[in-house]
Amino acid sequence: MEPYAIVETGGKQYLVKQGDSLQVERLSAEVGAKVALDSVLAVSDGKELQVGTPMVKGAKVAVEVVEHVRGPKVVSFVKRRRKGSQRKVGHRQELTVLKVADVSKA
């Protein structure tokens, strides 16, 4: 089994392995920048799993910012029948595409 980690960013948790690509909520980093995600909830070296309480001390996941994109459009439509009242709201989430370079244990 290959090394992996569970990281938290943007209020969500992701299972990542070296070489993975993932989309997370927008980070304030330039394209091409190297970023270290240090909110690691669990990390495994392939043989042994270390779970944090709540974070694993010293564990880091090194990622590279590939690009900034926008997610798909989500439409919220509310209609109140027989009242002539309706509301339509659209939303597109700002996302950052990351490539995992390294998963390191403390």
PDB file of N, CA and C in Angstrom:
ATOM      1  N   MET A   1       0.846  -1.178   0.000  1.00  0.00           N
ATOM      2  CA  MET A   1       0.000   0.000   0.000  1.00  0.00           C
ATOM      3  C   MET A   1       0.892   1.242   0.000  1.00  0.00           C
ATOM      4  N   GLU A   2       0.511   2.236  -0.767  1.00  0.00           N
ATOM      5  CA  GLU A   2       1.331   3.441  -0.863  1.00  0.00           C
ATOM      6  C   GLU A   2       0.952   4.463   0.213  1.00  0.00           C
ATOM      7  N   PRO A   3       1.873   5.368   0.535  1.00  0.00           N
ATOM      8  CA  PRO A   3       1.589   6.376   1.571  1.00  0.00           C
ATOM      9  C   PRO A   3       0.436   7.300   1.158  1.00  0.00           C
ATOM     10  N   TYR A   4      -0.370   7.679   2.162  1.00  0.00           N
ATOM     11  CA  TYR A   4      -1.472   8.590   1.918  1.00  0.00           C
ATOM     12  C   TYR A   4      -1.696   9.433   3.166  1.00  0.00           C
ATOM     13  N   ALA A   5      -2.491  10.480   3.010  1.00  0.00           N
ATOM     14  CA  ALA A   5      -2.827  11.356   4.135  1.00  0.00           C
ATOM     15  C   ALA A   5      -4.243  11.856   3.953  1.00  0.00           C
ATOM     16  N   ILE A   6      -4.853  12.232   5.064  1.00  0.00           N
ATOM     17  CA  ILE A   6      -6.161  12.882   5.038  1.00  0.00           C
ATOM     18  C   ILE A   6      -5.947  14.307   5.519  1.00  0.00           C
ATOM     19  N   VAL A   7      -6.206  15.272   4.640  1.00  0.00           N
ATOM     20  CA  VAL A   7      -5.976  16.676   4.957  1.00  0.00           C
ATOM     21  C   VAL A   7      -7.308  17.418   4.988  1.00  0.00           C
ATOM     22  N   GLU A   8      -7.303  18.542   5.694  1.00  0.00           N
ATOM     23  CA  GLU A   8      -8.488  19.390   5.767  1.00  0.00           C
ATOM     24  C   GLU A   8      -8.130  20.758   5.209  1.00  0.00           C
ATOM     25  N   THR A   9      -8.935  21.224   4.275  1.00  0.00           N
ATOM     26  CA  THR A   9      -8.773  22.569   3.740  1.00  0.00           C
ATOM     27  C   THR A   9     -10.134  23.049   3.241  1.00  0.00           C
ATOM     28  N   GLY A  10     -10.447  24.274   3.512  1.00  0.00           N
ATOM     29  CA  GLY A  10     -11.726  24.831   3.092  1.00  0.00           C
ATOM     30  C   GLY A  10     -12.913  24.198   3.780  1.00  0.00           C
ATOM     31  N   GLY A  11     -12.712  23.628   4.976  1.00  0.00           N
ATOM     32  CA  GLY A  11     -13.797  23.016   5.708  1.00  0.00           C
ATOM     33  C   GLY A  11     -14.170  21.626   5.215  1.00  0.00           C
ATOM     34  N   LYS A  12     -13.370  21.072   4.299  1.00  0.00           N
ATOM     35  CA  LYS A  12     -13.636  19.739   3.766  1.00  0.00           C
ATOM     36  C   LYS A  12     -12.402  18.865   3.963  1.00  0.00           C
ATOM     37  N   GLN A  13     -12.588  17.549   3.952  1.00  0.00           N
ATOM     38  CA  GLN A  13     -11.497  16.607   4.143  1.00  0.00           C
ATOM     39  C   GLN A  13     -11.254  15.836   2.857  1.00  0.00           C
ATOM     40  N   TYR A  14      -9.974  15.641   2.526  1.00  0.00           N
ATOM     41  CA  TYR A  14      -9.592  14.968   1.296  1.00  0.00           C
ATOM     42  C   TYR A  14      -8.560  13.888   1.604  1.00  0.00           C
ATOM     43  N   LEU A  15      -8.697  12.715   0.968  1.00  0.00           N
ATOM     44  CA  LEU A  15      -7.688  11.674   1.040  1.00  0.00           C
ATOM     45  C   LEU A  15      -6.764  11.878  -0.157  1.00  0.00           C
ATOM     46  N   VAL A  16      -5.471  12.075   0.100  1.00  0.00           N
ATOM     47  CA  VAL A  16      -4.521  12.377  -0.970  1.00  0.00           C
ATOM     48  C   VAL A  16      -3.356  11.404  -0.951  1.00  0.00           C
ATOM     49  N   LYS A  17      -2.834  11.114  -2.135  1.00  0.00           N
ATOM     50  CA  LYS A  17      -1.637  10.301  -2.325  1.00  0.00           C
ATOM     51  C   LYS A  17      -0.684  11.097  -3.203  1.00  0.00           C
ATOM     52  N   GLN A  18       0.569  10.709  -3.209  1.00  0.00           N
ATOM     53  CA  GLN A  18       1.562  11.411  -4.013  1.00  0.00           C
ATOM     54  C   GLN A  18       1.201  11.285  -5.491  1.00  0.00           C
ATOM     55  N   GLY A  19       1.213  12.414  -6.205  1.00  0.00           N
ATOM     56  CA  GLY A  19       0.879  12.436  -7.622  1.00  0.00           C
ATOM     57  C   GLY A  19      -0.583  12.724  -7.908  1.00  0.00           C
ATOM     58  N   ASP A  20      -1.433  12.741  -6.877  1.00  0.00           N
ATOM     59  CA  ASP A  20      -2.857  13.022  -7.065  1.00  0.00           C
ATOM     60  C   ASP A  20      -3.084  14.481  -7.456  1.00  0.00           C
ATOM     61  N   SER A  21      -4.195  14.714  -8.143  1.00  0.00           N
ATOM     62  CA  SER A  21      -4.636  16.065  -8.457  1.00  0.00           C
ATOM     63  C   SER A  21      -6.017  16.239  -7.844  1.00  0.00           C
ATOM     64  N   LEU A  22      -6.245  17.378  -7.178  1.00  0.00           N
ATOM     65  CA  LEU A  22      -7.539  17.587  -6.548  1.00  0.00           C
ATOM     66  C   LEU A  22      -7.948  19.049  -6.629  1.00  0.00           C
ATOM     67  N   GLN A  23      -9.266  19.275  -6.554  1.00  0.00           N
ATOM     68  CA  GLN A  23      -9.823  20.628  -6.565  1.00  0.00           C
ATOM     69  C   GLN A  23     -10.292  20.960  -5.164  1.00  0.00           C
ATOM     70  N   VAL A  24      -9.808  22.085  -4.628  1.00  0.00           N
ATOM     71  CA  VAL A  24     -10.214  22.544  -3.304  1.00  0.00           C
ATOM     72  C   VAL A  24     -10.746  23.963  -3.435  1.00  0.00           C
ATOM     73  N   GLU A  25     -11.350  24.469  -2.375  1.00  0.00           N
ATOM     74  CA  GLU A  25     -11.818  25.853  -2.407  1.00  0.00           C
ATOM     75  C   GLU A  25     -10.628  26.790  -2.582  1.00  0.00           C
ATOM     76  N   ARG A  26     -10.863  27.942  -3.183  1.00  0.00           N
ATOM     77  CA  ARG A  26      -9.813  28.856  -3.610  1.00  0.00           C
ATOM     78  C   ARG A  26      -8.814  29.163  -2.499  1.00  0.00           C
ATOM     79  N   LEU A  27      -7.528  28.946  -2.804  1.00  0.00           N
ATOM     80  CA  LEU A  27      -6.435  29.304  -1.905  1.00  0.00           C
ATOM     81  C   LEU A  27      -5.795  30.589  -2.408  1.00  0.00           C
ATOM     82  N   SER A  28      -5.261  31.385  -1.495  1.00  0.00           N
ATOM     83  CA  SER A  28      -4.628  32.649  -1.889  1.00  0.00           C
ATOM     84  C   SER A  28      -3.151  32.403  -2.161  1.00  0.00           C
ATOM     85  N   ALA A  29      -2.885  31.679  -3.241  1.00  0.00           N
ATOM     86  CA  ALA A  29      -1.512  31.393  -3.661  1.00  0.00           C
ATOM     87  C   ALA A  29      -1.442  31.541  -5.179  1.00  0.00           C
ATOM     88  N   GLU A  30      -0.279  31.942  -5.665  1.00  0.00           N
ATOM     89  CA  GLU A  30      -0.096  32.135  -7.094  1.00  0.00           C
ATOM     90  C   GLU A  30       0.026  30.778  -7.800  1.00  0.00           C
ATOM     91  N   VAL A  31      -0.287  30.764  -9.094  1.00  0.00           N
ATOM     92  CA  VAL A  31      -0.131  29.550  -9.893  1.00  0.00           C
ATOM     93  C   VAL A  31       1.348  29.198  -9.958  1.00  0.00           C
ATOM     94  N   GLY A  32       1.669  27.939  -9.721  1.00  0.00           N
ATOM     95  CA  GLY A  32       3.059  27.486  -9.724  1.00  0.00           C
ATOM     96  C   GLY A  32       3.710  27.504  -8.352  1.00  0.00           C
ATOM     97  N   ALA A  33       3.041  28.085  -7.368  1.00  0.00           N
ATOM     98  CA  ALA A  33       3.610  28.182  -6.019  1.00  0.00           C
ATOM     99  C   ALA A  33       3.543  26.828  -5.320  1.00  0.00           C
ATOM    100  N   LYS A  34       4.528  26.586  -4.465  1.00  0.00           N
ATOM    101  CA  LYS A  34       4.542  25.386  -3.631  1.00  0.00           C
ATOM    102  C   LYS A  34       3.922  25.751  -2.287  1.00  0.00           C
ATOM    103  N   VAL A  35       2.943  24.951  -1.848  1.00  0.00           N
ATOM    104  CA  VAL A  35       2.222  25.223  -0.610  1.00  0.00           C
ATOM    105  C   VAL A  35       2.287  23.965   0.251  1.00  0.00           C
ATOM    106  N   ALA A  36       2.409  24.151   1.564  1.00  0.00           N
ATOM    107  CA  ALA A  36       2.393  23.026   2.494  1.00  0.00           C
ATOM    108  C   ALA A  36       1.067  23.037   3.251  1.00  0.00           C
ATOM    109  N   LEU A  37       0.330  21.953   3.153  1.00  0.00           N
ATOM    110  CA  LEU A  37      -0.904  21.800   3.915  1.00  0.00           C
ATOM    111  C   LEU A  37      -0.541  21.099   5.217  1.00  0.00           C
ATOM    112  N   ASP A  38      -0.670  21.808   6.338  1.00  0.00           N
ATOM    113  CA  ASP A  38      -0.240  21.232   7.614  1.00  0.00           C
ATOM    114  C   ASP A  38      -1.396  20.803   8.507  1.00  0.00           C
ATOM    115  N   SER A  39      -2.624  20.940   8.045  1.00  0.00           N
ATOM    116  CA  SER A  39      -3.763  20.441   8.818  1.00  0.00           C
ATOM    117  C   SER A  39      -4.046  18.998   8.386  1.00  0.00           C
ATOM    118  N   VAL A  40      -3.144  18.093   8.812  1.00  0.00           N
ATOM    119  CA  VAL A  40      -3.209  16.686   8.449  1.00  0.00           C
ATOM    120  C   VAL A  40      -3.917  15.934   9.575  1.00  0.00           C
ATOM    121  N   LEU A  41      -5.035  15.282   9.259  1.00  0.00           N
ATOM    122  CA  LEU A  41      -5.819  14.563  10.261  1.00  0.00           C
ATOM    123  C   LEU A  41      -5.313  13.148  10.480  1.00  0.00           C
ATOM    124  N   ALA A  42      -4.786  12.529   9.423  1.00  0.00           N
ATOM    125  CA  ALA A  42      -4.234  11.176   9.528  1.00  0.00           C
ATOM    126  C   ALA A  42      -3.192  11.012   8.434  1.00  0.00           C
ATOM    127  N   VAL A  43      -2.174  10.193   8.711  1.00  0.00           N
ATOM    128  CA  VAL A  43      -1.125   9.949   7.727  1.00  0.00           C
ATOM    129  C   VAL A  43      -0.681   8.494   7.842  1.00  0.00           C
ATOM    130  N   SER A  44      -0.425   7.881   6.683  1.00  0.00           N
ATOM    131  CA  SER A  44       0.026   6.496   6.645  1.00  0.00           C
ATOM    132  C   SER A  44       1.256   6.413   5.757  1.00  0.00           C
ATOM    133  N   ASP A  45       2.242   5.609   6.192  1.00  0.00           N
ATOM    134  CA  ASP A  45       3.448   5.406   5.381  1.00  0.00           C
ATOM    135  C   ASP A  45       3.339   4.141   4.534  1.00  0.00           C
ATOM    136  N   GLY A  46       2.182   3.533   4.497  1.00  0.00           N
ATOM    137  CA  GLY A  46       1.967   2.323   3.739  1.00  0.00           C
ATOM    138  C   GLY A  46       1.868   1.094   4.626  1.00  0.00           C
ATOM    139  N   LYS A  47       2.422   1.174   5.822  1.00  0.00           N
ATOM    140  CA  LYS A  47       2.381   0.059   6.767  1.00  0.00           C
ATOM    141  C   LYS A  47       1.643   0.420   8.041  1.00  0.00           C
ATOM    142  N   GLU A  48       1.853   1.644   8.504  1.00  0.00           N
ATOM    143  CA  GLU A  48       1.317   2.059   9.801  1.00  0.00           C
ATOM    144  C   GLU A  48       0.523   3.349   9.640  1.00  0.00           C
ATOM    145  N   LEU A  49      -0.655   3.407  10.262  1.00  0.00           N
ATOM    146  CA  LEU A  49      -1.522   4.583  10.213  1.00  0.00           C
ATOM    147  C   LEU A  49      -1.387   5.360  11.506  1.00  0.00           C
ATOM    148  N   GLN A  50      -1.177   6.667  11.375  1.00  0.00           N
ATOM    149  CA  GLN A  50      -1.090   7.544  12.542  1.00  0.00           C
ATOM    150  C   GLN A  50      -2.245   8.537  12.462  1.00  0.00           C
ATOM    151  N   VAL A  51      -3.123   8.504  13.464  1.00  0.00           N
ATOM    152  CA  VAL A  51      -4.297   9.370  13.503  1.00  0.00           C
ATOM    153  C   VAL A  51      -4.052  10.469  14.525  1.00  0.00           C
ATOM    154  N   GLY A  52      -4.354  11.713  14.146  1.00  0.00           N
ATOM    155  CA  GLY A  52      -4.134  12.848  15.033  1.00  0.00           C
ATOM    156  C   GLY A  52      -5.296  13.091  15.971  1.00  0.00           C
ATOM    157  N   THR A  53      -5.028  13.936  16.975  1.00  0.00           N
ATOM    158  CA  THR A  53      -6.064  14.294  17.948  1.00  0.00           C
ATOM    159  C   THR A  53      -6.111  15.810  18.125  1.00  0.00           C
ATOM    160  N   PRO A  54      -6.621  16.609  17.273  1.00  0.00           N
ATOM    161  CA  PRO A  54      -7.220  16.292  15.983  1.00  0.00           C
ATOM    162  C   PRO A  54      -6.221  16.280  14.833  1.00  0.00           C
ATOM    163  N   MET A  55      -5.045  16.910  14.974  1.00  0.00           N
ATOM    164  CA  MET A  55      -4.066  16.966  13.891  1.00  0.00           C
ATOM    165  C   MET A  55      -2.837  16.133  14.254  1.00  0.00           C
ATOM    166  N   VAL A  56      -2.156  15.613  13.243  1.00  0.00           N
ATOM    167  CA  VAL A  56      -0.897  14.896  13.446  1.00  0.00           C
ATOM    168  C   VAL A  56       0.207  15.934  13.498  1.00  0.00           C
ATOM    169  N   LYS A  57       0.930  15.976  14.617  1.00  0.00           N
ATOM    170  CA  LYS A  57       1.981  16.984  14.790  1.00  0.00           C
ATOM    171  C   LYS A  57       3.159  16.694  13.862  1.00  0.00           C
ATOM    172  N   GLY A  58       3.584  17.725  13.142  1.00  0.00           N
ATOM    173  CA  GLY A  58       4.750  17.615  12.278  1.00  0.00           C
ATOM    174  C   GLY A  58       4.473  17.048  10.898  1.00  0.00           C
ATOM    175  N   ALA A  59       3.311  16.519  10.649  1.00  0.00           N
ATOM    176  CA  ALA A  59       2.987  15.951   9.335  1.00  0.00           C
ATOM    177  C   ALA A  59       2.608  17.077   8.375  1.00  0.00           C
ATOM    178  N   LYS A  60       3.074  16.959   7.133  1.00  0.00           N
ATOM    179  CA  LYS A  60       2.789  17.970   6.120  1.00  0.00           C
ATOM    180  C   LYS A  60       2.541  17.285   4.780  1.00  0.00           C
ATOM    181  N   VAL A  61       1.751  17.939   3.969  1.00  0.00           N
ATOM    182  CA  VAL A  61       1.522  17.495   2.600  1.00  0.00           C
ATOM    183  C   VAL A  61       1.943  18.655   1.699  1.00  0.00           C
ATOM    184  N   ALA A  62       2.965  18.412   0.874  1.00  0.00           N
ATOM    185  CA  ALA A  62       3.469  19.444  -0.037  1.00  0.00           C
ATOM    186  C   ALA A  62       2.676  19.359  -1.340  1.00  0.00           C
ATOM    187  N   VAL A  63       2.099  20.483  -1.762  1.00  0.00           N
ATOM    188  CA  VAL A  63       1.317  20.544  -2.995  1.00  0.00           C
ATOM    189  C   VAL A  63       1.800  21.698  -3.853  1.00  0.00           C
ATOM    190  N   GLU A  64       1.479  21.616  -5.140  1.00  0.00           N
ATOM    191  CA  GLU A  64       1.795  22.685  -6.074  1.00  0.00           C
ATOM    192  C   GLU A  64       0.492  23.189  -6.681  1.00  0.00           C
ATOM    193  N   VAL A  65       0.344  24.512  -6.748  1.00  0.00           N
ATOM    194  CA  VAL A  65      -0.865  25.113  -7.328  1.00  0.00           C
ATOM    195  C   VAL A  65      -0.750  25.032  -8.850  1.00  0.00           C
ATOM    196  N   VAL A  66      -1.688  24.306  -9.473  1.00  0.00           N
ATOM    197  CA  VAL A  66      -1.670  24.126 -10.917  1.00  0.00           C
ATOM    198  C   VAL A  66      -2.420  25.259 -11.614  1.00  0.00           C
ATOM    199  N   GLU A  67      -3.656  25.538 -11.147  1.00  0.00           N
ATOM    200  CA  GLU A  67      -4.450  26.617 -11.747  1.00  0.00           C
ATOM    201  C   GLU A  67      -5.613  26.987 -10.837  1.00  0.00           C
ATOM    202  N   HIS A  68      -6.211  28.122 -11.141  1.00  0.00           N
ATOM    203  CA  HIS A  68      -7.429  28.567 -10.467  1.00  0.00           C
ATOM    204  C   HIS A  68      -8.567  28.461 -11.476  1.00  0.00           C
ATOM    205  N   VAL A  69      -9.654  27.805 -11.071  1.00  0.00           N
ATOM    206  CA  VAL A  69     -10.796  27.610 -11.973  1.00  0.00           C
ATOM    207  C   VAL A  69     -12.082  27.960 -11.240  1.00  0.00           C
ATOM    208  N   ARG A  70     -13.176  27.921 -11.980  1.00  0.00           N
ATOM    209  CA  ARG A  70     -14.500  28.104 -11.391  1.00  0.00           C
ATOM    210  C   ARG A  70     -15.283  26.819 -11.590  1.00  0.00           C
ATOM    211  N   GLY A  71     -16.014  26.435 -10.577  1.00  0.00           N
ATOM    212  CA  GLY A  71     -16.792  25.204 -10.619  1.00  0.00           C
ATOM    213  C   GLY A  71     -18.026  25.354 -11.481  1.00  0.00           C
ATOM    214  N   PRO A  72     -18.822  24.293 -11.559  1.00  0.00           N
ATOM    215  CA  PRO A  72     -20.050  24.366 -12.356  1.00  0.00           C
ATOM    216  C   PRO A  72     -21.075  25.291 -11.711  1.00  0.00           C
ATOM    217  N   LYS A  73     -21.963  25.834 -12.540  1.00  0.00           N
ATOM    218  CA  LYS A  73     -22.984  26.738 -12.031  1.00  0.00           C
ATOM    219  C   LYS A  73     -24.063  25.948 -11.301  1.00  0.00           C
ATOM    220  N   VAL A  74     -24.404  26.415 -10.117  1.00  0.00           N
ATOM    221  CA  VAL A  74     -25.466  25.816  -9.319  1.00  0.00           C
ATOM    222  C   VAL A  74     -26.601  26.832  -9.255  1.00  0.00           C
ATOM    223  N   VAL A  75     -27.808  26.390  -9.626  1.00  0.00           N
ATOM    224  CA  VAL A  75     -28.954  27.288  -9.657  1.00  0.00           C
ATOM    225  C   VAL A  75     -29.922  26.907  -8.550  1.00  0.00           C
ATOM    226  N   SER A  76     -30.301  27.895  -7.743  1.00  0.00           N
ATOM    227  CA  SER A  76     -31.298  27.695  -6.702  1.00  0.00           C
ATOM    228  C   SER A  76     -32.559  28.438  -7.133  1.00  0.00           C
ATOM    229  N   PHE A  77     -33.638  27.699  -7.309  1.00  0.00           N
ATOM    230  CA  PHE A  77     -34.887  28.293  -7.774  1.00  0.00           C
ATOM    231  C   PHE A  77     -35.979  28.000  -6.758  1.00  0.00           C
ATOM    232  N   VAL A  78     -36.624  29.046  -6.273  1.00  0.00           N
ATOM    233  CA  VAL A  78     -37.706  28.909  -5.299  1.00  0.00           C
ATOM    234  C   VAL A  78     -38.969  29.520  -5.910  1.00  0.00           C
ATOM    235  N   LYS A  79     -40.046  28.751  -5.919  1.00  0.00           N
ATOM    236  CA  LYS A  79     -41.328  29.255  -6.443  1.00  0.00           C
ATOM    237  C   LYS A  79     -42.409  28.934  -5.418  1.00  0.00           C
ATOM    238  N   ARG A  80     -43.174  29.938  -5.107  1.00  0.00           N
ATOM    239  CA  ARG A  80     -44.308  29.747  -4.196  1.00  0.00           C
ATOM    240  C   ARG A  80     -45.571  29.678  -5.055  1.00  0.00           C
ATOM    241  N   ARG A  81     -46.191  28.515  -5.090  1.00  0.00           N
ATOM    242  CA  ARG A  81     -47.303  28.330  -6.021  1.00  0.00           C
ATOM    243  C   ARG A  81     -48.496  29.206  -5.657  1.00  0.00           C
ATOM    244  N   ARG A  82     -49.137  29.639  -6.695  1.00  0.00           N
ATOM    245  CA  ARG A  82     -50.347  30.478  -6.613  1.00  0.00           C
ATOM    246  C   ARG A  82     -50.078  31.856  -6.005  1.00  0.00           C
ATOM    247  N   LYS A  83     -48.854  32.241  -5.766  1.00  0.00           N
ATOM    248  CA  LYS A  83     -48.568  33.546  -5.157  1.00  0.00           C
ATOM    249  C   LYS A  83     -47.900  34.503  -6.135  1.00  0.00           C
ATOM    250  N   GLY A  84     -47.463  34.008  -7.279  1.00  0.00           N
ATOM    251  CA  GLY A  84     -46.781  34.867  -8.239  1.00  0.00           C
ATOM    252  C   GLY A  84     -45.410  35.284  -7.752  1.00  0.00           C
ATOM    253  N   SER A  85     -44.844  34.523  -6.853  1.00  0.00           N
ATOM    254  CA  SER A  85     -43.549  34.863  -6.263  1.00  0.00           C
ATOM    255  C   SER A  85     -42.531  33.790  -6.614  1.00  0.00           C
ATOM    256  N   GLN A  86     -41.398  34.231  -7.110  1.00  0.00           N
ATOM    257  CA  GLN A  86     -40.318  33.289  -7.386  1.00  0.00           C
ATOM    258  C   GLN A  86     -38.976  33.991  -7.275  1.00  0.00           C
ATOM    259  N   ARG A  87     -37.941  33.189  -7.022  1.00  0.00           N
ATOM    260  CA  ARG A  87     -36.589  33.738  -6.874  1.00  0.00           C
ATOM    261  C   ARG A  87     -35.610  32.755  -7.503  1.00  0.00           C
ATOM    262  N   LYS A  88     -34.676  33.269  -8.293  1.00  0.00           N
ATOM    263  CA  LYS A  88     -33.662  32.438  -8.941  1.00  0.00           C
ATOM    264  C   LYS A  88     -32.292  33.029  -8.631  1.00  0.00           C
ATOM    265  N   VAL A  89     -31.423  32.201  -8.051  1.00  0.00           N
ATOM    266  CA  VAL A  89     -30.085  32.643  -7.676  1.00  0.00           C
ATOM    267  C   VAL A  89     -29.081  31.643  -8.241  1.00  0.00           C
ATOM    268  N   GLY A  90     -28.036  32.124  -8.889  1.00  0.00           N
ATOM    269  CA  GLY A  90     -26.978  31.263  -9.416  1.00  0.00           C
ATOM    270  C   GLY A  90     -25.694  31.463  -8.629  1.00  0.00           C
ATOM    271  N   HIS A  91     -24.853  30.418  -8.612  1.00  0.00           N
ATOM    272  CA  HIS A  91     -23.587  30.489  -7.886  1.00  0.00           C
ATOM    273  C   HIS A  91     -22.547  29.637  -8.594  1.00  0.00           C
ATOM    274  N   ARG A  92     -21.310  30.146  -8.695  1.00  0.00           N
ATOM    275  CA  ARG A  92     -20.179  29.360  -9.192  1.00  0.00           C
ATOM    276  C   ARG A  92     -19.061  29.477  -8.174  1.00  0.00           C
ATOM    277  N   GLN A  93     -18.604  28.349  -7.651  1.00  0.00           N
ATOM    278  CA  GLN A  93     -17.573  28.332  -6.617  1.00  0.00           C
ATOM    279  C   GLN A  93     -16.198  28.526  -7.244  1.00  0.00           C
ATOM    280  N   GLU A  94     -15.372  29.358  -6.611  1.00  0.00           N
ATOM    281  CA  GLU A  94     -13.989  29.549  -7.021  1.00  0.00           C
ATOM    282  C   GLU A  94     -13.166  28.376  -6.484  1.00  0.00           C
ATOM    283  N   LEU A  95     -12.407  27.700  -7.352  1.00  0.00           N
ATOM    284  CA  LEU A  95     -11.654  26.519  -6.966  1.00  0.00           C
ATOM    285  C   LEU A  95     -10.179  26.662  -7.328  1.00  0.00           C
ATOM    286  N   THR A  96      -9.339  25.899  -6.644  1.00  0.00           N
ATOM    287  CA  THR A  96      -7.918  25.823  -6.939  1.00  0.00           C
ATOM    288  C   THR A  96      -7.581  24.364  -7.210  1.00  0.00           C
ATOM    289  N   VAL A  97      -6.878  24.115  -8.311  1.00  0.00           N
ATOM    290  CA  VAL A  97      -6.445  22.762  -8.649  1.00  0.00           C
ATOM    291  C   VAL A  97      -5.048  22.566  -8.086  1.00  0.00           C
ATOM    292  N   LEU A  98      -4.870  21.514  -7.273  1.00  0.00           N
ATOM    293  CA  LEU A  98      -3.599  21.225  -6.630  1.00  0.00           C
ATOM    294  C   LEU A  98      -3.065  19.883  -7.107  1.00  0.00           C
ATOM    295  N   LYS A  99      -1.724  19.770  -7.182  1.00  0.00           N
ATOM    296  CA  LYS A  99      -1.063  18.501  -7.477  1.00  0.00           C
ATOM    297  C   LYS A  99      -0.211  18.155  -6.273  1.00  0.00           C
ATOM    298  N   VAL A 100      -0.412  16.959  -5.714  1.00  0.00           N
ATOM    299  CA  VAL A 100       0.302  16.547  -4.504  1.00  0.00           C
ATOM    300  C   VAL A 100       1.716  16.131  -4.877  1.00  0.00           C
ATOM    301  N   ALA A 101       2.701  16.799  -4.264  1.00  0.00           N
ATOM    302  CA  ALA A 101       4.106  16.487  -4.533  1.00  0.00           C
ATOM    303  C   ALA A 101       4.670  15.493  -3.531  1.00  0.00           C
ATOM    304  N   ASP A 102       4.307  15.639  -2.255  1.00  0.00           N
ATOM    305  CA  ASP A 102       4.923  14.774  -1.242  1.00  0.00           C
ATOM    306  C   ASP A 102       4.020  14.671  -0.024  1.00  0.00           C
ATOM    307  N   VAL A 103       3.988  13.470   0.578  1.00  0.00           N
ATOM    308  CA  VAL A 103       3.288  13.231   1.843  1.00  0.00           C
ATOM    309  C   VAL A 103       4.348  12.864   2.856  1.00  0.00           C
ATOM    310  N   SER A 104       4.564  13.741   3.857  1.00  0.00           N
ATOM    311  CA  SER A 104       5.618  13.472   4.828  1.00  0.00           C
ATOM    312  C   SER A 104       5.054  13.308   6.223  1.00  0.00           C
ATOM    313  N   LYS A 105       5.602  12.348   6.933  1.00  0.00           N
ATOM    314  CA  LYS A 105       5.194  12.037   8.299  1.00  0.00           C
ATOM    315  C   LYS A 105       6.170  12.722   9.242  1.00  0.00           C
ATOM    316  N   ALA A 106       5.716  12.981  10.458  1.00  0.00           N
ATOM    317  CA  ALA A 106       6.568  13.657  11.442  1.00  0.00           C
ATOM    318  C   ALA A 106       7.762  12.814  11.818  1.00  0.00           C
TER     319      ALA A 106
END
